[in-house]
């Protein structure tokens, strides 16, 4: 993959100022961004309506909804929130989890710190783009982080104290 003019490389891969960054990972493997370089740049109102029922068919989403006691239907606010976030990132829930993982030299799977930080920043940006502030912003961001937490990706958001 060509990084284009002005792109910067990093050993961890990712995006720098909207430019795709490639690098070298464990064992010399080439790492490329897993999503579009402009992911998260669209305003939520500009996105097509997400299909909550399609999201609810994901085992990862079902696991999360069951754990939080939410219904897997279109009227479920947690599911609608996750659907909007996934649409803003131009990805599905399973791919969102995959962005936070990496393969080790031994062939097992581990948490990708850069991937996890990137998704955490995307959650914060999404909540701001939704126009939420204060307690509502913290709760919405932590609800999305909760999806990842229930699927093995630990993300700690800010405390929600009112």
N, C-alpha and C. Protein backbone atom coordinates (compact mmCIF):
# COMPACT_ATOMS: atom_id res chain seq x y z
N UNK A 1 0.84 -1.19 0.00
CA UNK A 1 0.00 0.00 0.00
C UNK A 1 0.87 1.23 0.00
N UNK A 2 0.57 2.16 -0.84
CA UNK A 2 1.29 3.42 -0.88
C UNK A 2 0.70 4.35 0.16
N UNK A 3 1.56 5.03 0.89
CA UNK A 3 1.07 5.94 1.93
C UNK A 3 0.79 7.32 1.38
N UNK A 4 1.12 7.58 0.14
CA UNK A 4 0.85 8.89 -0.45
C UNK A 4 1.88 9.91 0.00
N UNK A 5 1.85 11.07 -0.60
CA UNK A 5 2.82 12.08 -0.25
C UNK A 5 2.49 12.68 1.10
N UNK A 6 3.52 12.92 1.88
CA UNK A 6 3.35 13.55 3.17
C UNK A 6 2.95 12.60 4.29
N UNK A 7 2.80 11.31 4.01
CA UNK A 7 2.40 10.37 5.05
C UNK A 7 3.59 10.06 5.94
N UNK A 8 3.32 9.91 7.21
CA UNK A 8 4.37 9.54 8.15
C UNK A 8 4.19 8.09 8.56
N UNK A 9 5.30 7.39 8.77
CA UNK A 9 5.27 6.00 9.20
C UNK A 9 5.45 5.89 10.68
N UNK A 10 4.90 4.83 11.23
CA UNK A 10 5.06 4.54 12.63
C UNK A 10 5.17 3.04 12.78
N UNK A 11 5.98 2.54 13.72
CA UNK A 11 6.10 1.10 13.88
C UNK A 11 4.77 0.44 14.18
N UNK A 12 3.81 1.15 14.76
CA UNK A 12 2.55 0.55 15.15
C UNK A 12 1.50 0.63 14.05
N UNK A 13 1.72 1.42 13.00
CA UNK A 13 0.68 1.60 11.99
C UNK A 13 -0.38 2.54 12.51
N UNK A 14 -1.32 2.92 11.67
CA UNK A 14 -2.42 3.77 12.12
C UNK A 14 -2.60 4.96 11.22
N UNK A 15 -3.10 6.05 11.77
CA UNK A 15 -3.36 7.25 11.01
C UNK A 15 -2.75 8.44 11.71
N UNK A 16 -2.06 9.27 10.95
CA UNK A 16 -1.50 10.50 11.48
C UNK A 16 -2.12 11.63 10.70
N UNK A 17 -2.86 12.48 11.37
CA UNK A 17 -3.50 13.64 10.75
C UNK A 17 -4.27 13.27 9.50
N UNK A 18 -5.03 12.15 9.56
CA UNK A 18 -5.87 11.75 8.45
C UNK A 18 -5.15 11.06 7.32
N UNK A 19 -3.86 10.82 7.45
CA UNK A 19 -3.09 10.16 6.42
C UNK A 19 -2.79 8.74 6.85
N UNK A 20 -3.06 7.74 5.99
CA UNK A 20 -2.78 6.36 6.37
C UNK A 20 -1.31 6.17 6.67
N UNK A 21 -1.03 5.41 7.70
CA UNK A 21 0.34 5.15 8.10
C UNK A 21 0.55 3.65 8.11
N UNK A 22 1.61 3.19 7.50
CA UNK A 22 1.96 1.78 7.56
C UNK A 22 3.23 1.65 8.36
N UNK A 23 3.50 0.47 8.82
CA UNK A 23 4.69 0.25 9.60
C UNK A 23 5.02 -1.22 9.64
N UNK A 24 5.96 -1.57 10.50
CA UNK A 24 6.37 -2.95 10.64
C UNK A 24 6.04 -3.42 12.05
N UNK A 25 5.36 -4.54 12.13
CA UNK A 25 4.95 -5.09 13.41
C UNK A 25 5.87 -6.21 13.85
N UNK A 26 5.42 -7.01 14.82
CA UNK A 26 6.21 -8.12 15.33
C UNK A 26 6.60 -9.06 14.20
N UNK A 27 7.81 -9.51 14.20
CA UNK A 27 8.28 -10.45 13.19
C UNK A 27 8.45 -9.83 11.81
N UNK A 28 8.45 -8.50 11.72
CA UNK A 28 8.66 -7.84 10.44
C UNK A 28 7.43 -7.76 9.56
N UNK A 29 6.26 -8.18 10.06
CA UNK A 29 5.04 -8.13 9.26
C UNK A 29 4.63 -6.69 9.01
N UNK A 30 4.13 -6.42 7.81
CA UNK A 30 3.67 -5.08 7.47
C UNK A 30 2.31 -4.85 8.12
N UNK A 31 2.17 -3.69 8.77
CA UNK A 31 0.91 -3.32 9.41
C UNK A 31 0.32 -2.19 8.60
N UNK A 32 -0.95 -2.32 8.22
CA UNK A 32 -1.65 -1.27 7.51
C UNK A 32 -2.90 -0.92 8.29
N UNK A 33 -3.42 0.27 8.11
CA UNK A 33 -4.65 0.66 8.81
C UNK A 33 -5.77 -0.31 8.46
N UNK A 34 -6.64 -0.58 9.45
CA UNK A 34 -7.72 -1.52 9.23
C UNK A 34 -8.98 -0.86 8.72
N UNK A 35 -9.04 0.44 8.72
CA UNK A 35 -10.24 1.13 8.26
C UNK A 35 -9.87 2.29 7.36
N UNK A 36 -10.86 2.95 6.83
CA UNK A 36 -10.55 4.09 5.98
C UNK A 36 -9.85 5.19 6.75
N UNK A 37 -8.99 5.93 6.07
CA UNK A 37 -8.21 6.96 6.76
C UNK A 37 -9.07 8.10 7.27
N UNK A 38 -10.27 8.26 6.73
CA UNK A 38 -11.13 9.33 7.19
C UNK A 38 -12.25 8.81 8.10
N UNK A 39 -12.10 7.64 8.67
CA UNK A 39 -13.13 7.07 9.53
C UNK A 39 -13.42 8.02 10.68
N UNK A 40 -14.68 8.21 10.93
CA UNK A 40 -15.08 9.07 12.03
C UNK A 40 -15.19 10.53 11.65
N UNK A 41 -14.87 10.87 10.39
CA UNK A 41 -14.90 12.27 10.01
C UNK A 41 -16.31 12.74 9.63
N UNK A 42 -17.19 11.81 9.30
CA UNK A 42 -18.55 12.20 8.92
C UNK A 42 -19.36 12.55 10.16
N UNK A 43 -20.21 13.53 10.02
CA UNK A 43 -21.10 13.90 11.11
C UNK A 43 -22.21 12.84 11.17
N UNK A 44 -22.63 12.41 12.37
CA UNK A 44 -23.65 11.37 12.49
C UNK A 44 -24.93 11.66 11.70
N UNK A 45 -25.33 12.92 11.56
CA UNK A 45 -26.55 13.24 10.82
C UNK A 45 -26.39 13.01 9.32
N UNK A 46 -25.14 12.94 8.83
CA UNK A 46 -24.88 12.74 7.41
C UNK A 46 -24.84 11.27 7.02
N UNK A 47 -24.93 10.38 7.99
CA UNK A 47 -24.78 8.96 7.74
C UNK A 47 -26.12 8.30 7.46
N UNK A 48 -26.12 7.21 6.67
CA UNK A 48 -27.37 6.49 6.47
C UNK A 48 -27.83 5.87 7.78
N UNK A 49 -29.12 5.64 7.90
CA UNK A 49 -29.66 5.03 9.12
C UNK A 49 -29.07 3.63 9.27
N UNK A 50 -28.47 3.33 10.42
CA UNK A 50 -27.87 2.01 10.62
C UNK A 50 -28.96 0.96 10.80
N UNK A 51 -28.63 -0.25 10.45
CA UNK A 51 -29.56 -1.37 10.59
C UNK A 51 -29.30 -2.06 11.92
N UNK A 52 -30.07 -1.69 12.94
CA UNK A 52 -29.90 -2.24 14.27
C UNK A 52 -30.12 -3.75 14.30
N UNK A 53 -31.05 -4.23 13.48
CA UNK A 53 -31.32 -5.68 13.47
C UNK A 53 -30.12 -6.45 12.95
N UNK A 54 -29.43 -5.90 11.96
CA UNK A 54 -28.24 -6.55 11.43
C UNK A 54 -27.15 -6.61 12.51
N UNK A 55 -26.98 -5.51 13.24
CA UNK A 55 -26.01 -5.50 14.33
C UNK A 55 -26.35 -6.53 15.38
N UNK A 56 -27.63 -6.66 15.70
CA UNK A 56 -28.07 -7.59 16.75
C UNK A 56 -27.80 -9.04 16.37
N UNK A 57 -27.52 -9.32 15.10
CA UNK A 57 -27.22 -10.69 14.71
C UNK A 57 -25.78 -11.08 15.04
N UNK A 58 -24.95 -10.12 15.38
CA UNK A 58 -23.56 -10.40 15.74
C UNK A 58 -23.49 -11.05 17.11
N UNK A 59 -22.74 -12.16 17.26
CA UNK A 59 -22.59 -12.78 18.58
C UNK A 59 -22.00 -11.82 19.60
N UNK A 60 -21.09 -10.94 19.18
CA UNK A 60 -20.48 -9.98 20.09
C UNK A 60 -21.53 -9.01 20.61
N UNK A 61 -22.41 -8.57 19.74
CA UNK A 61 -23.46 -7.63 20.14
C UNK A 61 -24.46 -8.34 21.04
N UNK A 62 -24.84 -9.57 20.70
CA UNK A 62 -25.79 -10.32 21.54
C UNK A 62 -25.22 -10.54 22.93
N UNK A 63 -23.92 -10.85 23.01
CA UNK A 63 -23.26 -11.06 24.31
C UNK A 63 -23.36 -9.78 25.15
N UNK A 64 -23.08 -8.65 24.53
CA UNK A 64 -23.12 -7.37 25.22
C UNK A 64 -24.54 -7.02 25.67
N UNK A 65 -25.51 -7.15 24.77
CA UNK A 65 -26.88 -6.82 25.12
C UNK A 65 -27.40 -7.70 26.26
N UNK A 66 -27.06 -8.97 26.23
CA UNK A 66 -27.48 -9.87 27.30
C UNK A 66 -26.84 -9.45 28.62
N UNK A 67 -25.58 -9.10 28.59
CA UNK A 67 -24.87 -8.71 29.81
C UNK A 67 -25.44 -7.45 30.44
N UNK A 68 -25.90 -6.50 29.60
CA UNK A 68 -26.44 -5.25 30.15
C UNK A 68 -27.95 -5.30 30.32
N UNK A 69 -28.57 -6.41 29.94
CA UNK A 69 -30.01 -6.56 30.10
C UNK A 69 -30.83 -5.74 29.13
N UNK A 70 -30.29 -5.50 27.93
CA UNK A 70 -31.02 -4.73 26.91
C UNK A 70 -31.60 -5.68 25.87
N UNK A 71 -32.71 -5.27 25.28
CA UNK A 71 -33.36 -6.08 24.26
C UNK A 71 -32.66 -5.92 22.91
N UNK A 72 -32.55 -7.01 22.15
CA UNK A 72 -31.91 -6.92 20.83
C UNK A 72 -32.90 -6.49 19.75
N UNK A 73 -33.56 -5.36 19.96
CA UNK A 73 -34.50 -4.85 18.96
C UNK A 73 -34.18 -3.40 18.64
N UNK A 74 -34.83 -2.88 17.61
CA UNK A 74 -34.52 -1.52 17.16
C UNK A 74 -34.84 -0.45 18.19
N UNK A 75 -35.69 -0.76 19.17
CA UNK A 75 -36.04 0.23 20.18
C UNK A 75 -35.02 0.30 21.31
N UNK A 76 -34.01 -0.54 21.26
CA UNK A 76 -32.98 -0.56 22.29
C UNK A 76 -32.01 0.60 22.07
N UNK A 77 -31.99 1.55 23.01
CA UNK A 77 -31.10 2.71 22.88
C UNK A 77 -29.63 2.29 22.81
N UNK A 78 -29.16 1.34 23.65
CA UNK A 78 -27.75 0.93 23.52
C UNK A 78 -27.43 0.41 22.12
N UNK A 79 -28.33 -0.35 21.53
CA UNK A 79 -28.10 -0.89 20.20
C UNK A 79 -28.10 0.22 19.15
N UNK A 80 -29.02 1.16 19.28
CA UNK A 80 -29.03 2.29 18.33
C UNK A 80 -27.76 3.12 18.44
N UNK A 81 -27.28 3.34 19.67
CA UNK A 81 -26.05 4.09 19.88
C UNK A 81 -24.86 3.38 19.24
N UNK A 82 -24.76 2.08 19.48
CA UNK A 82 -23.66 1.31 18.87
C UNK A 82 -23.77 1.33 17.35
N UNK A 83 -24.98 1.23 16.83
CA UNK A 83 -25.17 1.25 15.37
C UNK A 83 -24.71 2.59 14.79
N UNK A 84 -25.04 3.69 15.46
CA UNK A 84 -24.60 5.01 14.97
C UNK A 84 -23.08 5.13 15.04
N UNK A 85 -22.49 4.61 16.13
CA UNK A 85 -21.03 4.68 16.24
C UNK A 85 -20.37 3.86 15.14
N UNK A 86 -20.85 2.65 14.92
CA UNK A 86 -20.28 1.80 13.86
C UNK A 86 -20.42 2.48 12.49
N UNK A 87 -21.58 3.10 12.25
CA UNK A 87 -21.78 3.81 10.98
C UNK A 87 -20.79 4.96 10.85
N UNK A 88 -20.54 5.67 11.95
CA UNK A 88 -19.60 6.79 11.89
C UNK A 88 -18.18 6.32 11.61
N UNK A 89 -17.88 5.09 12.01
CA UNK A 89 -16.56 4.52 11.78
C UNK A 89 -16.48 3.71 10.49
N UNK A 90 -17.63 3.60 9.81
CA UNK A 90 -17.73 2.82 8.57
C UNK A 90 -17.24 1.39 8.79
N UNK A 91 -17.73 0.78 9.86
CA UNK A 91 -17.32 -0.57 10.20
C UNK A 91 -18.45 -1.28 10.94
N UNK A 92 -18.32 -2.57 11.09
CA UNK A 92 -19.28 -3.35 11.86
C UNK A 92 -18.73 -3.60 13.26
N UNK A 93 -19.56 -4.16 14.13
CA UNK A 93 -19.12 -4.38 15.51
C UNK A 93 -17.95 -5.36 15.63
N UNK A 94 -17.96 -6.40 14.81
CA UNK A 94 -16.87 -7.37 14.87
C UNK A 94 -15.56 -6.77 14.37
N UNK A 95 -15.64 -5.94 13.35
CA UNK A 95 -14.45 -5.27 12.84
C UNK A 95 -13.94 -4.24 13.85
N UNK A 96 -14.86 -3.63 14.59
CA UNK A 96 -14.47 -2.68 15.63
C UNK A 96 -13.61 -3.38 16.68
N UNK A 97 -14.03 -4.56 17.09
CA UNK A 97 -13.26 -5.35 18.05
C UNK A 97 -11.91 -5.73 17.44
N UNK A 98 -11.93 -6.13 16.17
CA UNK A 98 -10.68 -6.54 15.50
C UNK A 98 -9.68 -5.39 15.42
N UNK A 99 -10.15 -4.15 15.34
CA UNK A 99 -9.23 -3.00 15.32
C UNK A 99 -8.43 -2.89 16.60
N UNK A 100 -8.92 -3.47 17.66
CA UNK A 100 -8.26 -3.40 18.97
C UNK A 100 -7.37 -4.61 19.24
N UNK A 101 -7.22 -5.48 18.26
CA UNK A 101 -6.44 -6.71 18.44
C UNK A 101 -5.28 -6.74 17.45
N UNK A 102 -4.30 -7.57 17.77
CA UNK A 102 -3.17 -7.79 16.88
C UNK A 102 -2.73 -9.24 17.00
N UNK A 103 -1.99 -9.71 16.04
CA UNK A 103 -1.41 -11.05 16.10
C UNK A 103 0.00 -10.95 16.66
N UNK A 104 0.34 -11.87 17.53
CA UNK A 104 1.69 -11.89 18.09
C UNK A 104 2.60 -12.71 17.20
N UNK A 105 3.89 -12.63 17.47
CA UNK A 105 4.86 -13.40 16.70
C UNK A 105 4.61 -14.90 16.86
N UNK A 106 4.05 -15.29 18.00
CA UNK A 106 3.77 -16.70 18.26
C UNK A 106 2.46 -17.15 17.60
N UNK A 107 1.75 -16.22 16.99
CA UNK A 107 0.52 -16.57 16.29
C UNK A 107 -0.75 -16.45 17.13
N UNK A 108 -0.62 -15.98 18.36
CA UNK A 108 -1.82 -15.80 19.17
C UNK A 108 -2.34 -14.37 19.00
N UNK A 109 -3.43 -14.07 19.66
CA UNK A 109 -4.04 -12.75 19.57
C UNK A 109 -3.81 -11.99 20.86
N UNK A 110 -3.51 -10.72 20.74
CA UNK A 110 -3.28 -9.85 21.91
C UNK A 110 -3.95 -8.51 21.65
N UNK A 111 -4.09 -7.75 22.71
CA UNK A 111 -4.65 -6.41 22.60
C UNK A 111 -3.63 -5.50 21.90
N UNK A 112 -4.09 -4.70 20.97
CA UNK A 112 -3.25 -3.71 20.31
C UNK A 112 -3.43 -2.39 21.04
N UNK A 113 -2.42 -1.94 21.74
CA UNK A 113 -2.51 -0.68 22.47
C UNK A 113 -2.82 0.49 21.53
N UNK A 114 -2.12 0.60 20.38
CA UNK A 114 -2.45 1.71 19.48
C UNK A 114 -3.88 1.60 18.93
N UNK A 115 -4.32 0.40 18.64
CA UNK A 115 -5.67 0.20 18.14
C UNK A 115 -6.71 0.57 19.18
N UNK A 116 -6.45 0.16 20.41
CA UNK A 116 -7.35 0.46 21.51
C UNK A 116 -7.43 1.97 21.75
N UNK A 117 -6.29 2.65 21.74
CA UNK A 117 -6.28 4.10 21.92
C UNK A 117 -7.02 4.80 20.78
N UNK A 118 -6.84 4.31 19.57
CA UNK A 118 -7.50 4.89 18.41
C UNK A 118 -9.02 4.78 18.53
N UNK A 119 -9.49 3.62 18.93
CA UNK A 119 -10.93 3.43 19.09
C UNK A 119 -11.45 4.29 20.25
N UNK A 120 -10.68 4.40 21.32
CA UNK A 120 -11.10 5.24 22.45
C UNK A 120 -11.23 6.69 22.01
N UNK A 121 -10.27 7.18 21.23
CA UNK A 121 -10.36 8.55 20.71
C UNK A 121 -11.56 8.70 19.79
N UNK A 122 -11.84 7.67 18.99
CA UNK A 122 -13.00 7.71 18.09
C UNK A 122 -14.30 7.79 18.88
N UNK A 123 -14.37 7.09 20.00
CA UNK A 123 -15.57 7.14 20.86
C UNK A 123 -15.75 8.56 21.38
N UNK A 124 -14.69 9.16 21.86
CA UNK A 124 -14.76 10.53 22.39
C UNK A 124 -15.19 11.51 21.30
N UNK A 125 -14.63 11.38 20.11
CA UNK A 125 -14.98 12.26 18.99
C UNK A 125 -16.44 12.04 18.57
N UNK A 126 -16.87 10.80 18.56
CA UNK A 126 -18.25 10.49 18.17
C UNK A 126 -19.24 11.13 19.13
N UNK A 127 -18.98 11.00 20.42
CA UNK A 127 -19.89 11.56 21.42
C UNK A 127 -19.98 13.08 21.25
N UNK A 128 -18.85 13.71 20.98
CA UNK A 128 -18.86 15.16 20.75
C UNK A 128 -19.65 15.50 19.48
N UNK A 129 -19.47 14.70 18.42
CA UNK A 129 -20.19 14.92 17.17
C UNK A 129 -21.69 14.72 17.35
N UNK A 130 -22.08 13.87 18.28
CA UNK A 130 -23.49 13.66 18.58
C UNK A 130 -24.08 14.86 19.31
N UNK A 131 -23.25 15.78 19.74
CA UNK A 131 -23.71 16.97 20.43
C UNK A 131 -23.95 16.77 21.92
N UNK A 132 -23.44 15.67 22.46
CA UNK A 132 -23.63 15.39 23.88
C UNK A 132 -22.55 16.07 24.71
N UNK A 133 -22.92 16.51 25.89
CA UNK A 133 -21.97 17.14 26.79
C UNK A 133 -22.21 16.64 28.21
N UNK A 134 -21.25 16.89 29.07
CA UNK A 134 -21.39 16.56 30.49
C UNK A 134 -21.68 15.10 30.74
N UNK A 135 -22.59 14.87 31.66
CA UNK A 135 -22.94 13.52 32.08
C UNK A 135 -23.44 12.67 30.91
N UNK A 136 -24.27 13.25 30.04
CA UNK A 136 -24.80 12.49 28.90
C UNK A 136 -23.68 12.00 27.98
N UNK A 137 -22.66 12.82 27.77
CA UNK A 137 -21.53 12.44 26.94
C UNK A 137 -20.75 11.30 27.57
N UNK A 138 -20.54 11.39 28.87
CA UNK A 138 -19.80 10.34 29.58
C UNK A 138 -20.55 9.03 29.52
N UNK A 139 -21.86 9.07 29.76
CA UNK A 139 -22.67 7.86 29.75
C UNK A 139 -22.68 7.22 28.36
N UNK A 140 -22.89 8.01 27.31
CA UNK A 140 -22.91 7.48 25.95
C UNK A 140 -21.56 6.88 25.57
N UNK A 141 -20.47 7.58 25.88
CA UNK A 141 -19.13 7.06 25.57
C UNK A 141 -18.84 5.77 26.33
N UNK A 142 -19.21 5.75 27.59
CA UNK A 142 -18.96 4.54 28.39
C UNK A 142 -19.86 3.38 27.96
N UNK A 143 -21.03 3.68 27.42
CA UNK A 143 -21.90 2.61 26.90
C UNK A 143 -21.22 1.94 25.71
N UNK A 144 -20.64 2.73 24.82
CA UNK A 144 -19.93 2.15 23.67
C UNK A 144 -18.70 1.39 24.14
N UNK A 145 -17.96 1.97 25.08
CA UNK A 145 -16.80 1.28 25.64
C UNK A 145 -17.22 -0.03 26.30
N UNK A 146 -18.41 -0.04 26.90
CA UNK A 146 -18.93 -1.25 27.52
C UNK A 146 -19.09 -2.38 26.53
N UNK A 147 -19.50 -2.05 25.29
CA UNK A 147 -19.58 -3.08 24.25
C UNK A 147 -18.22 -3.75 24.06
N UNK A 148 -17.19 -2.93 23.99
CA UNK A 148 -15.84 -3.47 23.80
C UNK A 148 -15.39 -4.25 25.04
N UNK A 149 -15.68 -3.72 26.21
CA UNK A 149 -15.29 -4.38 27.46
C UNK A 149 -15.91 -5.77 27.55
N UNK A 150 -17.20 -5.89 27.21
CA UNK A 150 -17.87 -7.18 27.28
C UNK A 150 -17.36 -8.15 26.21
N UNK A 151 -16.52 -7.65 25.31
CA UNK A 151 -15.93 -8.50 24.29
C UNK A 151 -14.41 -8.56 24.43
N UNK A 152 -13.91 -8.32 25.65
CA UNK A 152 -12.50 -8.54 25.96
C UNK A 152 -11.56 -7.39 25.71
N UNK A 153 -12.08 -6.22 25.34
CA UNK A 153 -11.24 -5.06 25.07
C UNK A 153 -11.48 -4.04 26.17
N UNK A 154 -10.52 -3.87 27.06
CA UNK A 154 -10.70 -2.95 28.19
C UNK A 154 -10.41 -1.52 27.76
N UNK A 155 -11.41 -0.67 27.93
CA UNK A 155 -11.27 0.76 27.69
C UNK A 155 -11.88 1.46 28.90
N UNK A 156 -11.14 2.31 29.53
CA UNK A 156 -11.66 3.01 30.69
C UNK A 156 -11.97 4.45 30.30
N UNK A 157 -13.24 4.79 30.42
CA UNK A 157 -13.67 6.14 30.13
C UNK A 157 -13.67 6.97 31.40
N UNK A 158 -14.06 8.20 31.27
CA UNK A 158 -14.12 9.08 32.45
C UNK A 158 -15.23 8.65 33.40
N UNK A 159 -15.11 9.07 34.65
CA UNK A 159 -16.12 8.77 35.64
C UNK A 159 -17.37 9.57 35.35
N UNK A 160 -18.51 8.99 35.69
CA UNK A 160 -19.79 9.65 35.46
C UNK A 160 -20.37 10.05 36.82
N UNK A 161 -19.97 11.21 37.30
CA UNK A 161 -20.43 11.68 38.59
C UNK A 161 -21.37 12.87 38.37
N UNK A 162 -22.56 12.78 38.94
CA UNK A 162 -23.50 13.90 38.79
C UNK A 162 -23.81 14.52 40.12
